[in-house]
Amino acid sequence: MMSNGEILQIYLDNGLIKTCIECQFSKIKYREFQDDFFQDLCLIILEYDNEKLNDAHINNHMNALLSRIIINNLWSSTSKYYKNYIKYLRKSEDISIINPDTYEDK
């Protein structure tokens, strides 16, 4: 059985992780965090259940596994990705900026 690090290195070398991230990020509004998420995904893979990761690797299901992990993180409002990157970005969009030239003190 291979270690998570060995499996991760295979998919870093062949570009599958990068391709999966690019495909899924092309569907969302906030793309500026793509590089950060790449690093997060590597950590997720390193911490993933070794038996399940080996099963996906041996049975050629890594594309499906990676896509599912990415989709779950990008589209869930309870994911670590949402909490670390999107939550406060969305809140800042809701705040209107006051222009001091047009603001009247009443």
N, C-alpha and C. Protein backbone atom coordinates (compact mmCIF):
# COMPACT_ATOMS: atom_id res chain seq x y z
N MET A 1 0.85 -1.17 0.00
CA MET A 1 0.00 0.00 0.00
C MET A 1 0.90 1.24 0.00
N MET A 2 0.50 2.25 -0.79
CA MET A 2 1.28 3.48 -0.91
C MET A 2 0.87 4.49 0.16
N SER A 3 1.79 5.37 0.51
CA SER A 3 1.48 6.44 1.46
C SER A 3 0.72 7.55 0.73
N ASN A 4 0.06 8.39 1.50
CA ASN A 4 -0.66 9.51 0.91
C ASN A 4 0.28 10.44 0.17
N GLY A 5 1.47 10.63 0.71
CA GLY A 5 2.47 11.49 0.07
C GLY A 5 2.90 10.95 -1.29
N GLU A 6 3.07 9.64 -1.39
CA GLU A 6 3.45 9.03 -2.67
C GLU A 6 2.35 9.18 -3.71
N ILE A 7 1.12 8.98 -3.28
CA ILE A 7 -0.02 9.13 -4.20
C ILE A 7 -0.16 10.59 -4.62
N LEU A 8 -0.05 11.49 -3.67
CA LEU A 8 -0.12 12.92 -3.99
C LEU A 8 0.93 13.28 -5.03
N GLN A 9 2.15 12.81 -4.85
CA GLN A 9 3.23 13.14 -5.78
C GLN A 9 2.94 12.65 -7.20
N ILE A 10 2.32 11.50 -7.33
CA ILE A 10 1.96 10.98 -8.66
C ILE A 10 1.04 11.95 -9.38
N TYR A 11 0.02 12.45 -8.66
CA TYR A 11 -0.97 13.30 -9.29
C TYR A 11 -0.54 14.76 -9.39
N LEU A 12 0.47 15.14 -8.63
CA LEU A 12 1.11 16.44 -8.85
C LEU A 12 1.96 16.37 -10.12
N ASP A 13 2.68 15.27 -10.27
CA ASP A 13 3.57 15.10 -11.42
C ASP A 13 2.81 14.99 -12.74
N ASN A 14 1.69 14.25 -12.73
CA ASN A 14 0.96 14.09 -14.00
C ASN A 14 -0.04 15.22 -14.27
N GLY A 15 -0.20 16.14 -13.33
CA GLY A 15 -1.03 17.33 -13.55
C GLY A 15 -2.52 17.16 -13.29
N LEU A 16 -2.93 16.00 -12.80
CA LEU A 16 -4.37 15.78 -12.60
C LEU A 16 -4.95 16.74 -11.55
N ILE A 17 -4.24 16.98 -10.48
CA ILE A 17 -4.75 17.87 -9.43
C ILE A 17 -4.95 19.28 -9.99
N LYS A 18 -3.98 19.77 -10.71
CA LYS A 18 -4.07 21.10 -11.30
C LYS A 18 -5.25 21.18 -12.28
N THR A 19 -5.40 20.16 -13.12
CA THR A 19 -6.47 20.14 -14.10
C THR A 19 -7.84 20.12 -13.43
N CYS A 20 -8.00 19.30 -12.41
CA CYS A 20 -9.29 19.23 -11.70
C CYS A 20 -9.63 20.57 -11.06
N ILE A 21 -8.65 21.21 -10.46
CA ILE A 21 -8.89 22.51 -9.83
C ILE A 21 -9.27 23.55 -10.88
N GLU A 22 -8.55 23.59 -11.97
CA GLU A 22 -8.86 24.55 -13.03
C GLU A 22 -10.26 24.35 -13.58
N CYS A 23 -10.66 23.11 -13.79
CA CYS A 23 -12.01 22.82 -14.32
C CYS A 23 -13.09 23.27 -13.35
N GLN A 24 -12.93 22.99 -12.08
CA GLN A 24 -13.96 23.36 -11.11
C GLN A 24 -13.97 24.85 -10.81
N PHE A 25 -12.81 25.48 -10.79
CA PHE A 25 -12.76 26.92 -10.53
C PHE A 25 -13.30 27.72 -11.71
N SER A 26 -13.31 27.16 -12.89
CA SER A 26 -13.85 27.88 -14.04
C SER A 26 -15.36 28.10 -13.91
N LYS A 27 -15.99 27.40 -12.97
CA LYS A 27 -17.44 27.47 -12.79
C LYS A 27 -17.87 28.41 -11.67
N ILE A 28 -16.91 29.02 -10.98
CA ILE A 28 -17.29 29.85 -9.83
C ILE A 28 -16.89 31.30 -10.02
N LYS A 29 -17.45 32.16 -9.18
CA LYS A 29 -17.22 33.60 -9.27
C LYS A 29 -15.86 34.02 -8.72
N TYR A 30 -15.47 33.47 -7.56
CA TYR A 30 -14.26 33.89 -6.88
C TYR A 30 -13.08 32.99 -7.26
N ARG A 31 -12.35 33.39 -8.28
CA ARG A 31 -11.24 32.57 -8.77
C ARG A 31 -9.89 32.99 -8.21
N GLU A 32 -9.86 34.08 -7.49
CA GLU A 32 -8.57 34.59 -7.00
C GLU A 32 -7.94 33.71 -5.92
N PHE A 33 -8.69 32.75 -5.41
CA PHE A 33 -8.17 31.88 -4.36
C PHE A 33 -7.75 30.50 -4.89
N GLN A 34 -7.65 30.37 -6.18
CA GLN A 34 -7.34 29.08 -6.80
C GLN A 34 -5.99 28.54 -6.33
N ASP A 35 -4.97 29.36 -6.30
CA ASP A 35 -3.65 28.91 -5.87
C ASP A 35 -3.65 28.51 -4.39
N ASP A 36 -4.37 29.27 -3.58
CA ASP A 36 -4.48 28.93 -2.17
C ASP A 36 -5.19 27.59 -1.99
N PHE A 37 -6.24 27.39 -2.77
CA PHE A 37 -6.98 26.14 -2.66
C PHE A 37 -6.13 24.96 -3.13
N PHE A 38 -5.26 25.18 -4.09
CA PHE A 38 -4.36 24.12 -4.55
C PHE A 38 -3.56 23.59 -3.35
N GLN A 39 -3.02 24.50 -2.56
CA GLN A 39 -2.26 24.10 -1.37
C GLN A 39 -3.15 23.40 -0.35
N ASP A 40 -4.36 23.92 -0.17
CA ASP A 40 -5.30 23.29 0.76
C ASP A 40 -5.65 21.88 0.32
N LEU A 41 -5.84 21.69 -0.98
CA LEU A 41 -6.19 20.36 -1.49
C LEU A 41 -5.05 19.38 -1.26
N CYS A 42 -3.82 19.83 -1.41
CA CYS A 42 -2.68 18.95 -1.13
C CYS A 42 -2.70 18.50 0.33
N LEU A 43 -3.02 19.41 1.23
CA LEU A 43 -3.13 19.05 2.65
C LEU A 43 -4.28 18.08 2.90
N ILE A 44 -5.40 18.31 2.23
CA ILE A 44 -6.55 17.40 2.36
C ILE A 44 -6.15 15.99 1.94
N ILE A 45 -5.45 15.89 0.83
CA ILE A 45 -5.03 14.58 0.33
C ILE A 45 -4.05 13.92 1.31
N LEU A 46 -3.13 14.70 1.84
CA LEU A 46 -2.17 14.14 2.80
C LEU A 46 -2.85 13.63 4.07
N GLU A 47 -3.96 14.25 4.46
CA GLU A 47 -4.68 13.86 5.67
C GLU A 47 -5.83 12.89 5.40
N TYR A 48 -6.08 12.58 4.13
CA TYR A 48 -7.21 11.73 3.75
C TYR A 48 -7.00 10.29 4.22
N ASP A 49 -8.07 9.58 4.45
CA ASP A 49 -8.00 8.18 4.84
C ASP A 49 -7.16 7.39 3.83
N ASN A 50 -6.08 6.78 4.30
CA ASN A 50 -5.12 6.12 3.41
C ASN A 50 -5.73 4.97 2.63
N GLU A 51 -6.57 4.20 3.26
CA GLU A 51 -7.19 3.06 2.58
C GLU A 51 -8.11 3.52 1.44
N LYS A 52 -8.90 4.54 1.69
CA LYS A 52 -9.79 5.07 0.66
C LYS A 52 -9.01 5.71 -0.49
N LEU A 53 -7.93 6.41 -0.13
CA LEU A 53 -7.10 7.05 -1.16
C LEU A 53 -6.42 6.00 -2.03
N ASN A 54 -5.91 4.95 -1.42
CA ASN A 54 -5.31 3.86 -2.19
C ASN A 54 -6.33 3.18 -3.08
N ASP A 55 -7.54 2.99 -2.58
CA ASP A 55 -8.60 2.38 -3.38
C ASP A 55 -8.91 3.23 -4.62
N ALA A 56 -9.02 4.53 -4.43
CA ALA A 56 -9.28 5.42 -5.58
C ALA A 56 -8.12 5.41 -6.56
N HIS A 57 -6.90 5.35 -6.06
CA HIS A 57 -5.72 5.32 -6.92
C HIS A 57 -5.64 4.01 -7.70
N ILE A 58 -5.79 2.91 -7.03
CA ILE A 58 -5.68 1.58 -7.67
C ILE A 58 -6.77 1.37 -8.71
N ASN A 59 -7.98 1.84 -8.41
CA ASN A 59 -9.12 1.63 -9.31
C ASN A 59 -9.32 2.77 -10.31
N ASN A 60 -8.33 3.64 -10.45
CA ASN A 60 -8.38 4.76 -11.40
C ASN A 60 -9.59 5.67 -11.20
N HIS A 61 -9.87 5.98 -9.93
CA HIS A 61 -10.98 6.87 -9.60
C HIS A 61 -10.50 8.19 -9.01
N MET A 62 -9.23 8.51 -9.17
CA MET A 62 -8.71 9.74 -8.57
C MET A 62 -9.37 10.99 -9.14
N ASN A 63 -9.67 10.98 -10.43
CA ASN A 63 -10.34 12.13 -11.03
C ASN A 63 -11.66 12.39 -10.33
N ALA A 64 -12.43 11.32 -10.11
CA ALA A 64 -13.73 11.46 -9.44
C ALA A 64 -13.55 11.89 -7.99
N LEU A 65 -12.58 11.31 -7.29
CA LEU A 65 -12.35 11.66 -5.90
C LEU A 65 -11.93 13.12 -5.76
N LEU A 66 -10.97 13.53 -6.57
CA LEU A 66 -10.50 14.92 -6.52
C LEU A 66 -11.62 15.89 -6.85
N SER A 67 -12.38 15.58 -7.89
CA SER A 67 -13.49 16.45 -8.28
C SER A 67 -14.52 16.57 -7.16
N ARG A 68 -14.82 15.46 -6.51
CA ARG A 68 -15.80 15.49 -5.42
C ARG A 68 -15.29 16.33 -4.25
N ILE A 69 -14.03 16.18 -3.89
CA ILE A 69 -13.46 16.97 -2.80
C ILE A 69 -13.52 18.46 -3.15
N ILE A 70 -13.14 18.79 -4.36
CA ILE A 70 -13.13 20.19 -4.79
C ILE A 70 -14.53 20.76 -4.80
N ILE A 71 -15.47 20.05 -5.40
CA ILE A 71 -16.86 20.51 -5.47
C ILE A 71 -17.43 20.70 -4.08
N ASN A 72 -17.20 19.74 -3.19
CA ASN A 72 -17.71 19.86 -1.82
C ASN A 72 -17.16 21.11 -1.13
N ASN A 73 -15.90 21.41 -1.36
CA ASN A 73 -15.31 22.59 -0.74
C ASN A 73 -15.79 23.89 -1.36
N LEU A 74 -15.91 23.93 -2.68
CA LEU A 74 -16.29 25.17 -3.35
C LEU A 74 -17.75 25.55 -3.16
N TRP A 75 -18.62 24.58 -3.06
CA TRP A 75 -20.04 24.87 -3.06
C TRP A 75 -20.71 24.75 -1.69
N SER A 76 -19.98 24.36 -0.67
CA SER A 76 -20.58 24.20 0.66
C SER A 76 -20.32 25.44 1.50
N SER A 77 -21.34 25.91 2.17
CA SER A 77 -21.16 27.08 3.04
C SER A 77 -20.64 26.68 4.42
N THR A 78 -20.37 25.40 4.62
CA THR A 78 -19.79 24.94 5.88
C THR A 78 -18.37 24.41 5.70
N SER A 79 -17.84 24.49 4.50
CA SER A 79 -16.50 23.96 4.24
C SER A 79 -15.42 24.89 4.77
N LYS A 80 -14.25 24.34 4.95
CA LYS A 80 -13.10 25.13 5.40
C LYS A 80 -12.77 26.21 4.37
N TYR A 81 -12.89 25.88 3.09
CA TYR A 81 -12.62 26.85 2.02
C TYR A 81 -13.56 28.04 2.15
N TYR A 82 -14.85 27.79 2.32
CA TYR A 82 -15.82 28.87 2.45
C TYR A 82 -15.49 29.74 3.67
N LYS A 83 -15.22 29.09 4.79
CA LYS A 83 -14.95 29.83 6.02
C LYS A 83 -13.67 30.65 5.92
N ASN A 84 -12.64 30.11 5.25
CA ASN A 84 -11.35 30.80 5.18
C ASN A 84 -11.29 31.89 4.11
N TYR A 85 -12.04 31.73 3.03
CA TYR A 85 -11.87 32.64 1.89
C TYR A 85 -13.13 33.41 1.49
N ILE A 86 -14.24 32.75 1.40
CA ILE A 86 -15.43 33.34 0.79
C ILE A 86 -16.32 34.09 1.78
N LYS A 87 -16.45 33.60 2.97
CA LYS A 87 -17.38 34.18 3.95
C LYS A 87 -17.15 35.68 4.13
N TYR A 88 -15.93 36.08 4.39
CA TYR A 88 -15.67 37.50 4.66
C TYR A 88 -15.61 38.31 3.38
N LEU A 89 -15.26 37.67 2.29
CA LEU A 89 -15.28 38.36 1.00
C LEU A 89 -16.71 38.76 0.64
N ARG A 90 -17.64 37.87 0.85
CA ARG A 90 -19.05 38.17 0.58
C ARG A 90 -19.57 39.26 1.50
N LYS A 91 -19.16 39.22 2.75
CA LYS A 91 -19.61 40.25 3.70
C LYS A 91 -19.07 41.61 3.30
N SER A 92 -17.84 41.66 2.82
CA SER A 92 -17.26 42.94 2.42
C SER A 92 -17.96 43.51 1.20
N GLU A 93 -18.50 42.65 0.35
CA GLU A 93 -19.25 43.12 -0.82
C GLU A 93 -20.57 43.76 -0.39
N ASP A 94 -21.11 43.32 0.75
CA ASP A 94 -22.38 43.85 1.24
C ASP A 94 -22.23 45.24 1.87
N ILE A 95 -21.03 45.56 2.26
CA ILE A 95 -20.79 46.85 2.92
C ILE A 95 -20.64 47.92 1.84
N SER A 96 -21.46 48.93 1.93
CA SER A 96 -21.33 50.01 0.96
C SER A 96 -20.25 50.97 1.43
N ILE A 97 -19.48 51.43 0.53
CA ILE A 97 -18.39 52.35 0.84
C ILE A 97 -18.92 53.78 0.78
N ILE A 98 -18.65 54.52 1.81
CA ILE A 98 -19.11 55.91 1.88
C ILE A 98 -18.08 56.80 1.21
N ASN A 99 -18.56 57.58 0.26
CA ASN A 99 -17.69 58.54 -0.42
C ASN A 99 -17.70 59.81 0.41
N PRO A 100 -16.55 60.23 0.95
CA PRO A 100 -16.53 61.42 1.82
C PRO A 100 -16.92 62.70 1.09
N ASP A 101 -16.80 62.73 -0.24
CA ASP A 101 -17.17 63.93 -0.99
C ASP A 101 -18.68 64.11 -1.09
N THR A 102 -19.43 63.01 -1.02
CA THR A 102 -20.88 63.11 -1.18
C THR A 102 -21.63 62.84 0.13
N TYR A 103 -20.91 62.46 1.17
CA TYR A 103 -21.53 62.16 2.45
C TYR A 103 -21.93 63.45 3.16
N GLU A 104 -23.19 63.49 3.61
CA GLU A 104 -23.67 64.67 4.33
C GLU A 104 -23.94 64.26 5.78
N ASP A 105 -23.38 64.99 6.70
CA ASP A 105 -23.60 64.74 8.12
C ASP A 105 -24.92 65.36 8.50
N LYS A 106 -25.85 64.57 8.97
CA LYS A 106 -27.20 65.08 9.29
C LYS A 106 -27.43 65.19 10.76
